[in-house]
Amino acid sequence: MLKYFGTDGVRGVANQSLTPEMAFKLGRDGGYVLTKEKEDGKQARVLVSRDTRISGQMLEYALISGLLSVGIEVLEVGVITTPGLSYLVRAQGADAGVQISASHNPVEDNGIKFFGSDGLKLSDAMEEDIEKLIDAKEDTLPRPSAKGLGTVTDFHEGSSKYLQFIENTIPEDLGGIKVVIDGANGASSALISRLFADCGVDFTTIATHPDGLNINDHVGATHTEKLQKEVVKQGAQLGLAFDGDADRCIAVDENGNEVDGDHIMYVIGTYLAEHGRLKKDTIVTTVMSNLGFTKALERKGLKNVRTQVGDRYVSEEMRAHGYNLGGEQSGHVIMSDYHNTGDGMLTGLHLMLVMKKTGKSLSELLTDFKEYPQQLINVPVKDKKTWKEHQPILDAIAEVEKNLNGEGRIFVRPSGTQALLRVMTEAPTQELADKYCQQVADVVKSEMGA
């Protein structure tokens, strides 16, 4: 079990659990692990970027110092989305990339996530190697004092390269669709207008004025209430909400209804399948995807493969078996024909492309998707790793499964980044979903509550 790395890098409260000292160690030890196979005499190159949190610069400078201390050349990208960094690592032929972001989390949090030379998140084995160095009793890594030290170069033009890449995935102008876009006051804020204007979109924006403290503050992919109201108010056909680092996209239809990642994948996936472009007629999701998603695909003659929670596991499954569409209910959508990671802005544009090509509204495209009522309760716990050792919890789960009798499901899992157990149920009615979810959550709280 990893000690520092969760499902999406190392996260914590900035300047408390995630300190500049830890950022330095992650830069030094992580940089060494990622570049130690570099041929002798060739300096390794690592791209570093961040979102708009006030703590980003503090952690960035500490992280870069760690990278420099082991002789790595750093290209400082500045504020850009996580998928933007992933693309640039590959496009620039860099050895690695590091994004400083806590994605959809509140401003107090921050995180550090690494990407290999392929632009993909690290394997568990590589993260374990970094953790071993962090916890080593003695730091034996190289410490050049002059020749051999790393250098820093600004690479702020990287955002333009990234936006050009996304634009090139859209074969035609997207005029004729009015959309409201929520940037979560995050990393996409300065990019949205440039991208969507270049694609000919009729758009307005909200939450695109970051001040370091307002990222994800009741806006963005996890708080779509303002966007829903604005779509209806403006008579728009669509709303798009990104999270703090814009690797997620949640949509809103013309009636103001939220459209999550399952729905987005269904719309894009069925369109691709109709045109013979959905590889193996399969969409990869996690165990958190709604049961209605699987049944909707089955009615279209399509398949759904599920992985454990985490977009990197979806990505691994896609690459292992040659699938080209996958993602998470939370809005990570991976379209591997274009990009190897979830990209909110890319997803939003391709959702609009389906609407334009079909001439249908978003609600019309989802007519055949009948969602099972779902409930999710997050239970703060003392030790999320030991929940399977509590027999009363296992018994409560078994009882619910028996009562559902295949017409729904219950799923319990630890959060990848917080001291929580997530209890999720799906059932034929919302009343039953609520009842069974609360039933198990109460047992979890009684057994393990913080």
Protein backbone atom coordinates (compact mmCIF):
# COMPACT_ATOMS: atom_id res chain seq x y z
CA MET A 1 0.00 0.00 0.00
CA LEU A 2 1.39 3.38 -1.03
CA LYS A 3 2.05 5.84 1.79
CA TYR A 4 2.13 9.21 0.03
CA PHE A 5 0.63 8.63 -3.43
CA GLY A 6 -3.13 8.31 -3.83
CA THR A 7 -5.13 7.67 -6.98
CA ASP A 8 -4.07 11.03 -8.40
CA GLY A 9 -0.61 11.88 -7.09
CA VAL A 10 0.34 13.24 -3.67
CA ARG A 11 -2.30 15.48 -2.11
CA GLY A 12 -2.78 17.34 1.15
CA VAL A 13 -3.46 20.67 2.78
CA ALA A 14 -0.91 23.08 1.32
CA ASN A 15 1.85 24.21 3.70
CA GLN A 16 0.63 21.73 6.33
CA SER A 17 0.57 18.11 5.19
CA LEU A 18 1.86 19.03 1.73
CA THR A 19 4.76 21.28 2.66
CA PRO A 20 7.48 22.98 0.58
CA GLU A 21 9.89 20.50 2.18
CA MET A 22 7.83 17.60 0.81
CA ALA A 23 7.63 19.30 -2.58
CA PHE A 24 11.43 19.57 -2.62
CA LYS A 25 11.75 15.87 -1.76
CA LEU A 26 9.26 14.90 -4.44
CA GLY A 27 11.15 16.97 -7.00
CA ARG A 28 14.51 15.54 -6.00
CA ASP A 29 13.51 11.90 -5.51
CA GLY A 30 10.81 11.81 -8.16
CA GLY A 31 13.02 13.53 -10.68
CA TYR A 32 15.80 11.04 -10.03
CA VAL A 33 13.54 7.97 -10.41
CA LEU A 34 12.00 9.29 -13.62
CA THR A 35 15.28 10.19 -15.29
CA LYS A 36 17.89 7.79 -13.88
CA GLU A 37 17.84 5.71 -17.08
CA LYS A 38 18.89 8.71 -19.15
CA GLU A 39 21.94 8.04 -21.27
CA ASP A 40 25.23 9.25 -19.76
CA GLY A 41 26.08 12.78 -20.73
CA LYS A 42 22.56 13.79 -21.71
CA GLN A 43 20.68 16.13 -19.41
CA ALA A 44 17.16 15.10 -18.52
CA ARG A 45 14.31 17.52 -19.21
CA VAL A 46 11.14 17.86 -17.09
CA LEU A 47 8.14 20.15 -17.66
CA VAL A 48 6.53 21.74 -14.59
CA SER A 49 3.14 23.47 -14.45
CA ARG A 50 0.35 24.34 -12.01
CA ASP A 51 -3.23 25.47 -11.60
CA THR A 52 -4.37 28.81 -10.14
CA ARG A 53 -4.23 28.04 -6.39
CA ILE A 54 -2.42 30.57 -4.26
CA SER A 55 -0.16 27.80 -2.91
CA GLY A 56 0.91 26.75 -6.40
CA GLN A 57 3.92 29.02 -6.71
CA MET A 58 5.23 28.11 -3.27
CA LEU A 59 5.15 24.41 -4.07
CA GLU A 60 6.35 24.96 -7.64
CA TYR A 61 9.53 26.75 -6.59
CA ALA A 62 10.29 24.10 -3.97
CA LEU A 63 9.66 21.27 -6.43
CA ILE A 64 11.81 22.89 -9.10
CA SER A 65 14.64 23.30 -6.59
CA GLY A 66 14.51 19.57 -5.96
CA LEU A 67 14.64 18.81 -9.68
CA LEU A 68 17.56 21.18 -10.21
CA SER A 69 19.49 19.61 -7.34
CA VAL A 70 19.76 16.32 -9.25
CA GLY A 71 20.80 17.98 -12.49
CA ILE A 72 17.50 18.18 -14.37
CA GLU A 73 16.68 20.85 -16.94
CA VAL A 74 13.27 22.33 -16.11
CA LEU A 75 10.86 23.90 -18.59
CA GLU A 76 8.48 26.05 -16.56
CA VAL A 77 5.12 26.05 -18.34
CA GLY A 78 3.21 28.23 -15.86
CA VAL A 79 -0.55 27.85 -15.44
CA ILE A 80 -2.00 25.21 -17.75
CA THR A 81 -4.44 22.31 -17.53
CA THR A 82 -3.28 18.85 -16.51
CA PRO A 83 -4.07 17.37 -19.96
CA GLY A 84 -2.21 20.32 -21.44
CA LEU A 85 0.92 19.33 -19.54
CA SER A 86 0.46 15.68 -20.52
CA TYR A 87 0.33 16.64 -24.19
CA LEU A 88 3.34 18.94 -23.99
CA VAL A 89 5.51 16.28 -22.32
CA ARG A 90 5.07 14.10 -25.40
CA ALA A 91 5.15 16.94 -27.92
CA GLN A 92 8.45 18.31 -26.54
CA GLY A 93 10.06 14.89 -26.14
CA ALA A 94 10.56 15.55 -22.41
CA ASP A 95 11.53 12.86 -19.96
CA ALA A 96 8.74 13.66 -17.53
CA GLY A 97 6.23 16.25 -16.38
CA VAL A 98 4.92 17.43 -13.02
CA GLN A 99 1.58 19.17 -12.48
CA ILE A 100 0.87 21.01 -9.22
CA SER A 101 -2.88 20.82 -8.70
CA ALA A 102 -5.53 19.31 -6.47
CA SER A 103 -8.00 19.15 -9.34
CA HIS A 104 -11.57 19.58 -8.02
CA ASN A 105 -10.56 19.90 -4.34
CA PRO A 106 -10.99 23.16 -2.38
CA VAL A 107 -8.32 25.85 -2.44
CA GLU A 108 -6.72 24.78 0.86
CA ASP A 109 -5.60 21.54 -0.79
CA ASN A 110 -2.94 21.08 -3.39
CA GLY A 111 -1.27 18.14 -5.06
CA ILE A 112 1.73 17.01 -7.05
CA LYS A 113 1.30 14.48 -9.85
CA PHE A 114 3.96 13.07 -12.11
CA PHE A 115 3.80 12.01 -15.75
CA GLY A 116 6.27 9.81 -17.58
CA SER A 117 7.76 10.55 -21.00
CA ASP A 118 4.62 9.06 -22.58
CA GLY A 119 2.45 11.69 -20.87
CA LEU A 120 0.81 9.04 -18.69
CA LYS A 121 0.52 8.89 -14.91
CA LEU A 122 3.06 6.71 -13.15
CA SER A 123 2.63 3.05 -12.37
CA ASP A 124 2.28 1.90 -8.76
CA ALA A 125 5.77 0.37 -8.99
CA MET A 126 7.38 3.67 -9.97
CA GLU A 127 5.52 5.51 -7.23
CA GLU A 128 6.79 2.93 -4.77
CA ASP A 129 10.36 3.61 -5.91
CA ILE A 130 9.88 7.33 -5.22
CA GLU A 131 8.41 6.64 -1.79
CA LYS A 132 11.37 4.43 -0.85
CA LEU A 133 13.73 7.33 -1.54
CA ILE A 134 11.55 9.76 0.42
CA ASP A 135 11.63 7.48 3.47
CA ALA A 136 15.31 6.48 3.15
CA LYS A 137 17.39 7.16 6.28
CA GLU A 138 20.10 8.79 4.17
CA ASP A 139 19.92 10.82 0.96
CA THR A 140 22.57 9.32 -1.33
CA LEU A 141 21.45 10.95 -4.58
CA PRO A 142 23.89 13.08 -6.60
CA ARG A 143 24.59 16.63 -5.36
CA PRO A 144 26.51 18.54 -8.03
CA SER A 145 27.76 21.92 -6.83
CA ALA A 146 28.36 23.68 -10.17
CA LYS A 147 28.67 21.70 -13.38
CA GLY A 148 25.84 19.21 -13.48
CA LEU A 149 23.22 21.36 -11.77
CA GLY A 150 19.93 21.83 -13.54
CA THR A 151 18.61 25.04 -15.13
CA VAL A 152 15.16 26.61 -15.55
CA THR A 153 13.71 27.99 -18.80
CA ASP A 154 10.32 29.63 -19.29
CA PHE A 155 8.06 27.71 -21.66
CA HIS A 156 4.88 29.75 -21.46
CA GLU A 157 4.31 29.39 -25.20
CA GLY A 158 3.37 25.80 -24.41
CA SER A 159 -0.27 26.77 -23.91
CA SER A 160 -0.52 27.97 -27.51
CA LYS A 161 0.91 24.68 -28.78
CA TYR A 162 -1.61 22.77 -26.69
CA LEU A 163 -4.60 24.80 -27.88
CA GLN A 164 -3.57 24.32 -31.51
CA PHE A 165 -3.46 20.58 -30.91
CA ILE A 166 -7.04 20.53 -29.56
CA GLU A 167 -8.33 22.72 -32.41
CA ASN A 168 -6.87 20.31 -34.94
CA THR A 169 -9.03 17.45 -33.59
CA ILE A 170 -12.22 19.27 -34.69
CA PRO A 171 -12.82 18.87 -38.45
CA GLU A 172 -15.20 21.80 -38.84
CA ASP A 173 -16.47 25.07 -37.43
CA LEU A 174 -18.83 24.64 -34.46
CA GLY A 175 -20.95 27.71 -35.11
CA GLY A 176 -24.67 27.52 -34.48
CA ILE A 177 -24.53 26.14 -30.94
CA LYS A 178 -24.82 28.54 -28.03
CA VAL A 179 -22.91 27.36 -24.96
CA VAL A 180 -22.14 28.67 -21.47
CA ILE A 181 -18.73 27.59 -20.13
CA ASP A 182 -17.70 27.38 -16.47
CA GLY A 183 -13.92 27.48 -15.95
CA ALA A 184 -14.05 26.83 -12.16
CA ASN A 185 -11.65 29.81 -11.78
CA GLY A 186 -9.02 27.21 -12.53
CA ALA A 187 -6.31 26.33 -15.03
CA SER A 188 -8.57 26.60 -18.09
CA SER A 189 -9.67 30.16 -17.30
CA ALA A 190 -7.18 31.89 -19.60
CA LEU A 191 -7.52 29.25 -22.33
CA ILE A 192 -11.28 28.93 -22.84
CA SER A 193 -11.89 32.12 -24.81
CA ARG A 194 -8.93 31.52 -27.13
CA LEU A 195 -9.95 27.93 -27.89
CA PHE A 196 -13.70 28.27 -28.30
CA ALA A 197 -13.44 31.49 -30.30
CA ASP A 198 -11.02 29.82 -32.71
CA CYS A 199 -13.54 26.97 -33.15
CA GLY A 200 -16.29 29.41 -34.09
CA VAL A 201 -18.39 28.76 -31.00
CA ASP A 202 -21.06 31.17 -29.74
CA PHE A 203 -20.17 31.20 -26.04
CA THR A 204 -20.24 33.08 -22.77
CA THR A 205 -18.21 32.25 -19.69
CA ILE A 206 -18.54 32.17 -15.92
CA ALA A 207 -15.87 31.56 -13.26
CA THR A 208 -12.92 32.54 -15.44
CA HIS A 209 -11.37 35.17 -13.15
CA PRO A 210 -9.10 33.33 -10.70
CA ASP A 211 -7.69 35.25 -7.75
CA GLY A 212 -5.78 32.37 -6.16
CA LEU A 213 -8.53 31.73 -3.62
CA ASN A 214 -11.70 31.13 -5.65
CA ILE A 215 -10.80 27.94 -7.54
CA ASN A 216 -13.74 25.45 -7.39
CA ASP A 217 -15.57 27.80 -5.01
CA HIS A 218 -19.17 26.70 -5.70
CA VAL A 219 -18.38 26.55 -9.41
CA GLY A 220 -16.94 24.04 -11.84
CA ALA A 221 -17.56 20.37 -12.54
CA THR A 222 -18.46 19.52 -8.94
CA HIS A 223 -20.76 22.54 -8.43
CA THR A 224 -22.87 23.05 -11.55
CA GLU A 225 -25.78 24.91 -9.93
CA LYS A 226 -24.77 28.35 -11.25
CA LEU A 227 -24.12 26.94 -14.71
CA GLN A 228 -27.50 25.20 -14.79
CA LYS A 229 -29.28 28.45 -14.01
CA GLU A 230 -27.21 30.40 -16.52
CA VAL A 231 -27.91 27.96 -19.37
CA VAL A 232 -31.65 28.31 -18.85
CA LYS A 233 -31.43 32.09 -18.37
CA GLN A 234 -29.49 32.58 -21.61
CA GLY A 235 -31.49 30.06 -23.62
CA ALA A 236 -28.28 28.20 -24.44
CA GLN A 237 -28.27 24.70 -25.95
CA LEU A 238 -25.49 23.51 -23.70
CA GLY A 239 -23.35 24.21 -20.67
CA LEU A 240 -19.84 22.90 -20.07
CA ALA A 241 -18.15 22.84 -16.65
CA PHE A 242 -14.49 22.03 -16.08
CA ASP A 243 -12.76 21.41 -12.76
CA GLY A 244 -9.69 23.13 -11.34
CA ASP A 245 -7.20 21.46 -13.66
CA ALA A 246 -9.70 20.85 -16.49
CA ASP A 247 -9.21 17.13 -16.90
CA ARG A 248 -12.96 16.73 -16.22
CA CYS A 249 -15.99 17.91 -18.14
CA ILE A 250 -19.56 17.87 -16.86
CA ALA A 251 -22.28 19.17 -19.18
CA VAL A 252 -25.69 20.76 -18.74
CA ASP A 253 -28.46 20.21 -21.29
CA GLU A 254 -30.77 22.87 -22.71
CA ASN A 255 -33.27 22.29 -19.90
CA GLY A 256 -30.69 22.91 -17.17
CA ASN A 257 -30.21 19.24 -16.28
CA GLU A 258 -26.73 18.03 -15.32
CA VAL A 259 -25.15 15.58 -17.76
CA ASP A 260 -22.34 13.57 -16.15
CA GLY A 261 -19.45 11.58 -17.58
CA ASP A 262 -21.55 8.45 -18.16
CA HIS A 263 -24.01 10.42 -20.28
CA ILE A 264 -21.24 12.19 -22.20
CA MET A 265 -19.51 8.89 -22.99
CA TYR A 266 -22.83 7.42 -24.10
CA VAL A 267 -23.47 10.30 -26.53
CA ILE A 268 -19.96 10.30 -27.99
CA GLY A 269 -19.63 6.51 -27.92
CA THR A 270 -22.90 5.73 -29.70
CA TYR A 271 -22.09 8.35 -32.34
CA LEU A 272 -18.68 6.79 -32.93
CA ALA A 273 -20.24 3.32 -33.09
CA GLU A 274 -22.81 4.44 -35.67
CA HIS A 275 -19.91 5.59 -37.86
CA GLY A 276 -17.78 2.47 -37.31
CA ARG A 277 -15.24 4.31 -35.18
CA LEU A 278 -15.79 2.82 -31.69
CA LYS A 279 -13.09 0.19 -31.40
CA LYS A 280 -14.39 -3.26 -30.43
CA ASP A 281 -17.79 -1.65 -29.80
CA THR A 282 -16.67 -1.09 -26.21
CA ILE A 283 -16.51 1.77 -23.73
CA VAL A 284 -14.30 1.41 -20.63
CA THR A 285 -15.56 2.85 -17.35
CA THR A 286 -15.01 2.29 -13.64
CA VAL A 287 -17.17 0.39 -11.18
CA MET A 288 -18.78 3.73 -10.22
CA SER A 289 -20.58 4.12 -13.56
CA ASN A 290 -24.36 3.89 -13.37
CA LEU A 291 -25.97 0.53 -14.06
CA GLY A 292 -28.24 2.33 -16.50
CA PHE A 293 -25.18 3.18 -18.61
CA THR A 294 -24.35 -0.50 -19.12
CA LYS A 295 -27.94 -1.39 -19.95
CA ALA A 296 -28.26 1.52 -22.40
CA LEU A 297 -25.15 0.33 -24.23
CA GLU A 298 -26.43 -3.25 -24.32
CA ARG A 299 -29.62 -2.06 -26.03
CA LYS A 300 -27.37 -0.56 -28.74
CA GLY A 301 -25.37 -3.79 -29.06
CA LEU A 302 -22.35 -2.22 -27.36
CA LYS A 303 -20.24 -3.39 -24.43
CA ASN A 304 -19.04 -1.84 -21.18
CA VAL A 305 -15.80 -2.97 -19.52
CA ARG A 306 -15.28 -1.77 -15.94
CA THR A 307 -12.11 -1.14 -13.95
CA GLN A 308 -11.32 -0.06 -10.41
CA VAL A 309 -11.81 3.63 -9.62
CA GLY A 310 -9.22 5.98 -11.12
CA ASP A 311 -8.83 7.30 -14.65
CA ARG A 312 -5.34 5.82 -14.90
CA TYR A 313 -6.84 2.33 -14.55
CA VAL A 314 -9.27 3.14 -17.34
CA SER A 315 -6.35 4.32 -19.45
CA GLU A 316 -4.37 1.15 -18.72
CA GLU A 317 -7.31 -1.05 -19.74
CA MET A 318 -7.81 0.92 -22.94
CA ARG A 319 -4.17 0.64 -23.92
CA ALA A 320 -3.95 -3.06 -22.99
CA HIS A 321 -6.90 -4.06 -25.18
CA GLY A 322 -7.03 -1.43 -27.91
CA TYR A 323 -10.16 0.49 -26.89
CA ASN A 324 -10.48 4.14 -27.88
CA LEU A 325 -13.12 5.56 -25.49
CA GLY A 326 -13.38 5.39 -21.73
CA GLY A 327 -13.65 7.42 -18.58
CA GLU A 328 -15.41 8.06 -15.32
CA GLN A 329 -18.84 9.22 -14.22
CA SER A 330 -17.06 12.20 -12.62
CA GLY A 331 -16.27 13.61 -16.07
CA HIS A 332 -12.84 12.22 -16.98
CA VAL A 333 -13.32 11.17 -20.60
CA ILE A 334 -10.41 9.66 -22.52
CA MET A 335 -10.60 9.79 -26.31
CA SER A 336 -7.41 7.98 -27.15
CA ASP A 337 -7.65 8.63 -30.87
CA TYR A 338 -6.56 12.14 -29.90
CA HIS A 339 -5.16 12.18 -26.37
CA ASN A 340 -4.04 9.62 -23.79
CA THR A 341 -5.62 11.28 -20.77
CA GLY A 342 -8.92 12.86 -19.78
CA ASP A 343 -9.25 16.36 -21.24
CA GLY A 344 -12.26 18.51 -20.33
CA MET A 345 -11.96 21.03 -23.14
CA LEU A 346 -11.38 18.34 -25.77
CA THR A 347 -14.39 16.40 -24.46
CA GLY A 348 -16.61 19.49 -24.53
CA LEU A 349 -15.76 20.30 -28.13
CA HIS A 350 -16.41 16.74 -29.31
CA LEU A 351 -19.75 16.65 -27.47
CA MET A 352 -20.69 19.81 -29.37
CA LEU A 353 -19.49 18.20 -32.60
CA VAL A 354 -21.93 15.30 -32.11
CA MET A 355 -24.76 17.77 -31.50
CA LYS A 356 -23.92 19.67 -34.68
CA LYS A 357 -23.48 16.54 -36.82
CA THR A 358 -26.75 14.98 -35.66
CA GLY A 359 -28.77 18.18 -35.41
CA LYS A 360 -30.12 16.94 -32.08
CA SER A 361 -30.27 18.60 -28.69
CA LEU A 362 -28.37 17.05 -25.82
CA SER A 363 -31.58 15.83 -24.17
CA GLU A 364 -32.65 14.17 -27.44
CA LEU A 365 -29.31 12.38 -27.70
CA LEU A 366 -29.94 10.93 -24.23
CA THR A 367 -33.53 9.77 -24.75
CA ASP A 368 -32.59 6.06 -24.58
CA PHE A 369 -30.42 6.44 -21.46
CA LYS A 370 -32.50 5.47 -18.42
CA GLU A 371 -30.44 6.13 -15.32
CA TYR A 372 -30.85 4.04 -12.19
CA PRO A 373 -31.45 6.22 -9.12
CA GLN A 374 -28.20 6.50 -7.22
CA GLN A 375 -27.08 7.65 -3.80
CA LEU A 376 -23.56 8.31 -2.54
CA ILE A 377 -22.61 8.97 1.08
CA ASN A 378 -19.05 9.86 2.13
CA VAL A 379 -18.32 8.64 5.65
CA PRO A 380 -15.27 10.12 7.46
CA VAL A 381 -13.34 7.25 9.04
CA LYS A 382 -10.28 6.75 11.22
CA ASP A 383 -8.57 4.20 8.98
CA LYS A 384 -10.00 3.71 5.50
CA LYS A 385 -7.63 0.83 4.74
CA THR A 386 -9.11 -1.62 7.27
CA TRP A 387 -12.81 -1.51 6.41
CA LYS A 388 -12.92 -5.08 5.08
CA GLU A 389 -11.83 -6.33 8.51
CA HIS A 390 -15.14 -5.19 10.02
CA GLN A 391 -17.64 -8.04 9.72
CA PRO A 392 -20.72 -5.90 10.52
CA ILE A 393 -19.96 -3.80 7.42
CA LEU A 394 -19.62 -6.89 5.25
CA ASP A 395 -22.86 -8.27 6.67
CA ALA A 396 -24.71 -5.01 5.96
CA ILE A 397 -23.48 -5.05 2.34
CA ALA A 398 -24.54 -8.68 1.90
CA GLU A 399 -28.03 -7.94 3.23
CA VAL A 400 -28.51 -5.06 0.78
CA GLU A 401 -27.27 -7.19 -2.13
CA LYS A 402 -29.76 -9.89 -1.18
CA ASN A 403 -32.61 -7.39 -1.07
CA LEU A 404 -31.70 -5.84 -4.43
CA ASN A 405 -31.60 -9.28 -6.06
CA GLY A 406 -29.76 -8.08 -9.15
CA GLU A 407 -31.98 -5.02 -9.70
CA GLY A 408 -29.36 -2.59 -8.47
CA ARG A 409 -26.06 -2.73 -6.62
CA ILE A 410 -24.09 -1.47 -3.66
CA PHE A 411 -20.45 -0.47 -3.75
CA VAL A 412 -18.10 0.56 -0.93
CA ARG A 413 -14.60 1.89 -1.51
CA PRO A 414 -12.02 4.08 0.24
CA SER A 415 -11.38 7.55 -1.17
CA GLY A 416 -8.08 7.81 -2.98
CA THR A 417 -7.25 11.21 -1.49
CA GLN A 418 -9.22 11.67 1.75
CA ALA A 419 -9.95 9.79 4.99
CA LEU A 420 -13.35 8.67 3.75
CA LEU A 421 -15.26 5.54 2.84
CA ARG A 422 -17.60 6.11 -0.09
CA VAL A 423 -20.86 4.15 0.06
CA MET A 424 -22.79 4.08 -3.22
CA THR A 425 -26.08 2.36 -4.05
CA GLU A 426 -28.24 2.03 -7.14
CA ALA A 427 -31.80 0.76 -7.03
CA PRO A 428 -35.06 0.79 -9.03
CA THR A 429 -36.29 3.82 -7.02
CA GLN A 430 -34.59 6.77 -5.35
CA GLU A 431 -36.30 5.84 -2.10
CA LEU A 432 -34.65 2.41 -2.07
CA ALA A 433 -31.27 3.80 -3.15
CA ASP A 434 -31.39 6.33 -0.28
CA LYS A 435 -32.56 3.74 2.23
CA TYR A 436 -29.92 1.12 1.43
CA CYS A 437 -27.10 3.64 1.19
CA GLN A 438 -27.94 5.15 4.57
CA GLN A 439 -28.32 1.67 6.06
CA VAL A 440 -24.75 0.71 5.18
CA ALA A 441 -23.32 4.17 5.88
CA ASP A 442 -24.72 4.02 9.42
CA VAL A 443 -22.94 0.73 10.04
CA VAL A 444 -19.68 2.15 8.64
CA LYS A 445 -19.99 5.19 10.90
CA SER A 446 -20.73 3.03 13.95
CA GLU A 447 -17.77 0.74 13.24
CA MET A 448 -15.13 3.16 11.95
CA GLY A 449 -16.40 6.74 12.21
CA ALA A 450 -13.82 9.46 12.78
